[in-house]
C-alpha atoms as a PDB file:
ATOM      1  CA  MET A   1      19.531 -13.238  -5.897  1.00  0.00           C
ATOM      2  CA  VAL A   2      19.429 -10.456  -8.475  1.00  0.00           C
ATOM      3  CA  GLN A   3      21.002 -12.726 -11.068  1.00  0.00           C
ATOM      4  CA  VAL A   4      18.296 -15.341 -10.546  1.00  0.00           C
ATOM      5  CA  ILE A   5      15.572 -12.722 -11.012  1.00  0.00           C
ATOM      6  CA  ASN A   6      17.374 -11.429 -14.113  1.00  0.00           C
ATOM      7  CA  LYS A   7      17.392 -14.920 -15.610  1.00  0.00           C
ATOM      8  CA  LEU A   8      13.739 -15.601 -14.785  1.00  0.00           C
ATOM      9  CA  ILE A   9      12.204 -12.280 -15.732  1.00  0.00           C
ATOM     10  CA  GLY A  10      14.780 -10.502 -17.863  1.00  0.00           C
ATOM     11  CA  ALA A  11      16.493  -7.139 -17.579  1.00  0.00           C
ATOM     12  CA  LYS A  12      13.999  -5.459 -19.918  1.00  0.00           C
ATOM     13  CA  TYR A  13      11.003  -6.299 -17.760  1.00  0.00           C
ATOM     14  CA  ILE A  14      12.824  -5.382 -14.555  1.00  0.00           C
ATOM     15  CA  ALA A  15      13.542  -1.935 -16.029  1.00  0.00           C
ATOM     16  CA  ILE A  16       9.876  -1.556 -17.002  1.00  0.00           C
ATOM     17  CA  ALA A  17       8.760  -2.599 -13.509  1.00  0.00           C
ATOM     18  CA  ARG A  18      11.079  -0.050 -11.895  1.00  0.00           C
ATOM     19  CA  THR A  19       9.465   2.764 -13.869  1.00  0.00           C
ATOM     20  CA  TRP A  20       6.025   1.674 -12.672  1.00  0.00           C
ATOM     21  CA  VAL A  21       6.873   1.466  -8.952  1.00  0.00           C
ATOM     22  CA  PRO A  22       6.064   5.139  -8.133  1.00  0.00           C
ATOM     23  CA  THR A  23       2.740   4.873  -9.956  1.00  0.00           C
ATOM     24  CA  MET A  24       1.821   1.661  -8.148  1.00  0.00           C
ATOM     25  CA  VAL A  25       2.741   3.176  -4.782  1.00  0.00           C
ATOM     26  CA  GLY A  26       0.645   6.261  -5.517  1.00  0.00           C
ATOM     27  CA  TRP A  27      -2.438   4.346  -6.614  1.00  0.00           C
ATOM     28  CA  GLY A  28      -2.010   1.902  -3.733  1.00  0.00           C
ATOM     29  CA  SER A  29      -2.034   4.816  -1.299  1.00  0.00           C
ATOM     30  CA  VAL A  30      -5.123   6.297  -2.943  1.00  0.00           C
ATOM     31  CA  GLY A  31      -6.805   2.896  -2.793  1.00  0.00           C
ATOM     32  CA  GLY A  32      -5.954   2.533   0.884  1.00  0.00           C
ATOM     33  CA  VAL A  33      -7.388   5.945   1.723  1.00  0.00           C
ATOM     34  CA  ALA A  34     -10.510   5.165  -0.342  1.00  0.00           C
ATOM     35  CA  LEU A  35     -10.914   1.850   1.496  1.00  0.00           C
ATOM     36  CA  VAL A  36     -10.797   3.598   4.865  1.00  0.00           C
ATOM     37  CA  HIS A  37     -13.120   6.348   3.633  1.00  0.00           C
ATOM     38  CA  PHE A  38     -15.822   4.139   2.128  1.00  0.00           C
ATOM     39  CA  THR A  39     -15.788   1.380   4.742  1.00  0.00           C
ATOM     40  CA  ASP A  40     -16.233   1.471   8.488  1.00  0.00           C
ATOM     41  CA  TRP A  41     -13.351   3.900   9.082  1.00  0.00           C
ATOM     42  CA  ARG A  42     -13.601   3.657  12.850  1.00  0.00           C
ATOM     43  CA  LEU A  43     -13.111  -0.116  12.766  1.00  0.00           C
ATOM     44  CA  ILE A  44      -9.907   0.313  10.758  1.00  0.00           C
ATOM     45  CA  LEU A  45      -8.594   3.313  12.687  1.00  0.00           C
ATOM     46  CA  ASP A  46      -9.133   1.575  16.034  1.00  0.00           C
ATOM     47  CA  CYS A  47      -6.004  -0.429  15.166  1.00  0.00           C
ATOM     48  CA  VAL A  48      -3.904   2.773  15.111  1.00  0.00           C
ATOM     49  CA  PRO A  49      -2.647   3.339  18.684  1.00  0.00           C
ATOM     50  CA  TYR A  50      -2.680   7.168  18.692  1.00  0.00           C
ATOM     51  CA  ILE A  51      -6.161   7.457  17.203  1.00  0.00           C
ATOM     52  CA  ASN A  52      -7.590   4.547  19.230  1.00  0.00           C
ATOM     53  CA  GLY A  53      -7.949   6.588  22.446  1.00  0.00           C
ATOM     54  CA  LYS A  54      -9.763   9.513  20.823  1.00  0.00           C
ATOM     55  CA  PHE A  55     -13.007   7.656  20.117  1.00  0.00           C
ATOM     56  CA  LYS A  56     -13.896   6.086  23.456  1.00  0.00           C
ATOM     57  CA  ASP A  57     -17.581   5.227  23.769  1.00  0.00           C
ATOM     58  CA  ILE A  58     -19.454   7.363  26.270  1.00  0.00           C
END
């Protein structure tokens, strides 16, 4: 599998992509938190089992 990817993309670009993985993970996490913050956070957090029970309607 790795050899096929090496032939298609090339070792140079795989090395470049590996250096960018931590940055992409960091910005993806920030984007996810921003999405929850700026949208209807309760709608999203209702899918999390532990948090779901804390916001029962009265």
